[in-house]
Amino acid sequence: MDKVDQSIIELILDRVLQPERLQTMMEELRKRIQNSKGAQQDKVSELQRKLKNVEDRQLRLLDAIESGIVDLDETTQRRSQQLKQAKDALHIQITEARTSVR
């Protein structure tokens, strides 16, 4: 059994763990990691864009209420709550996406 184990180890060392092959595997791994980071950063950027949009909408609604253009009723309160929930959800998604980049 020891001879078989030693033969397998030598075969692996001779064929698989060659410096050139290891270098190629490491370069490919680096490329995959960089591509993954780039995709995750794109996701974070998109989520931040959506967050900005929700925040702008929330501010416009509040401005309309404050200026008297829109009455503060059940509908506007519900809409304000929906925007707050959307904002909170986007903050969570951004945090999760940033965590996965690292």
Protein backbone atom coordinates (compact mmCIF):
# COMPACT_ATOMS: atom_id res chain seq x y z
CA MET A 1 0.00 0.00 0.00
CA ASP A 2 2.83 2.40 0.81
CA LYS A 3 4.35 1.80 -2.63
CA VAL A 4 1.05 2.61 -4.32
CA ASP A 5 0.67 5.77 -2.23
CA GLN A 6 4.22 6.83 -3.04
CA SER A 7 3.67 6.14 -6.74
CA ILE A 8 0.52 8.26 -6.77
CA ILE A 9 2.25 11.11 -4.93
CA GLU A 10 5.16 11.02 -7.38
CA LEU A 11 2.76 10.98 -10.31
CA ILE A 12 0.93 13.99 -8.94
CA LEU A 13 4.18 15.82 -8.34
CA ASP A 14 5.50 14.97 -11.80
CA ARG A 15 2.37 15.80 -13.79
CA VAL A 16 0.12 18.11 -11.82
CA LEU A 17 2.26 20.18 -9.51
CA GLN A 18 4.73 21.42 -12.08
CA PRO A 19 5.80 25.05 -11.58
CA GLU A 20 4.50 26.11 -15.00
CA ARG A 21 1.15 24.45 -14.37
CA LEU A 22 0.86 25.96 -10.89
CA GLN A 23 1.70 29.39 -12.31
CA THR A 24 -1.04 29.03 -14.92
CA MET A 25 -3.57 27.93 -12.30
CA MET A 26 -2.65 30.85 -10.02
CA GLU A 27 -2.97 33.37 -12.86
CA GLU A 28 -6.40 31.98 -13.74
CA LEU A 29 -7.48 32.16 -10.12
CA ARG A 30 -6.33 35.79 -9.90
CA LYS A 31 -8.32 36.64 -13.04
CA ARG A 32 -11.46 35.01 -11.64
CA ILE A 33 -11.11 36.88 -8.36
CA GLN A 34 -10.65 40.21 -10.18
CA ASN A 35 -13.66 39.55 -12.42
CA SER A 36 -15.74 38.66 -9.39
CA LYS A 37 -14.69 41.85 -7.59
CA GLY A 38 -15.51 43.91 -10.68
CA ALA A 39 -18.96 42.37 -10.98
CA GLN A 40 -19.63 42.92 -7.29
CA GLN A 41 -18.47 46.53 -7.51
CA ASP A 42 -20.81 47.05 -10.46
CA LYS A 43 -23.63 45.65 -8.34
CA VAL A 44 -22.77 48.02 -5.46
CA SER A 45 -22.74 50.97 -7.88
CA GLU A 46 -26.14 50.00 -9.30
CA LEU A 47 -27.60 49.62 -5.81
CA GLN A 48 -26.22 53.03 -4.83
CA ARG A 49 -27.82 54.55 -7.92
CA LYS A 50 -31.16 53.01 -6.93
CA LEU A 51 -30.74 54.27 -3.37
CA LYS A 52 -30.11 57.81 -4.62
CA ASN A 53 -33.26 57.59 -6.74
CA VAL A 54 -35.36 56.47 -3.76
CA GLU A 55 -33.88 59.20 -1.55
CA ASP A 56 -34.66 61.83 -4.20
CA ARG A 57 -38.25 60.61 -4.47
CA GLN A 58 -38.58 60.65 -0.70
CA LEU A 59 -37.31 64.24 -0.55
CA ARG A 60 -39.67 65.35 -3.33
CA LEU A 61 -42.61 63.86 -1.46
CA LEU A 62 -41.60 65.60 1.77
CA ASP A 63 -41.09 68.89 -0.08
CA ALA A 64 -44.55 68.58 -1.63
CA ILE A 65 -46.09 67.94 1.78
CA GLU A 66 -44.20 70.81 3.43
CA SER A 67 -45.11 73.27 0.69
CA GLY A 68 -48.78 72.31 0.83
CA ILE A 69 -48.93 70.90 -2.69
CA VAL A 70 -49.86 67.48 -1.31
CA ASP A 71 -51.91 66.85 1.81
CA LEU A 72 -50.56 64.52 4.47
CA ASP A 73 -53.15 61.78 4.38
CA GLU A 74 -53.16 57.99 4.55
CA THR A 75 -51.98 57.66 0.96
CA THR A 76 -48.97 59.93 1.37
CA GLN A 77 -48.11 58.35 4.72
CA ARG A 78 -48.25 54.90 3.14
CA ARG A 79 -46.10 56.07 0.23
CA SER A 80 -43.61 57.63 2.59
CA GLN A 81 -43.40 54.35 4.51
CA GLN A 82 -42.90 52.40 1.28
CA LEU A 83 -40.03 54.67 0.28
CA LYS A 84 -38.45 54.29 3.71
CA GLN A 85 -38.71 50.49 3.47
CA ALA A 86 -37.19 50.54 -0.02
CA LYS A 87 -34.35 52.71 1.27
CA ASP A 88 -33.71 50.39 4.21
CA ALA A 89 -33.73 47.33 1.95
CA LEU A 90 -31.22 48.96 -0.41
CA HIS A 91 -28.92 49.82 2.50
CA ILE A 92 -28.96 46.15 3.51
CA GLN A 93 -28.27 44.99 -0.05
CA ILE A 94 -25.37 47.44 -0.40
CA THR A 95 -23.85 46.23 2.86
CA GLU A 96 -24.18 42.60 1.75
CA ALA A 97 -22.66 43.35 -1.66
CA ARG A 98 -19.76 45.25 -0.13
CA THR A 99 -19.10 42.41 2.30
CA SER A 100 -18.95 39.89 -0.51
CA VAL A 101 -16.41 42.03 -2.43
CA ARG A 102 -13.84 41.57 0.30
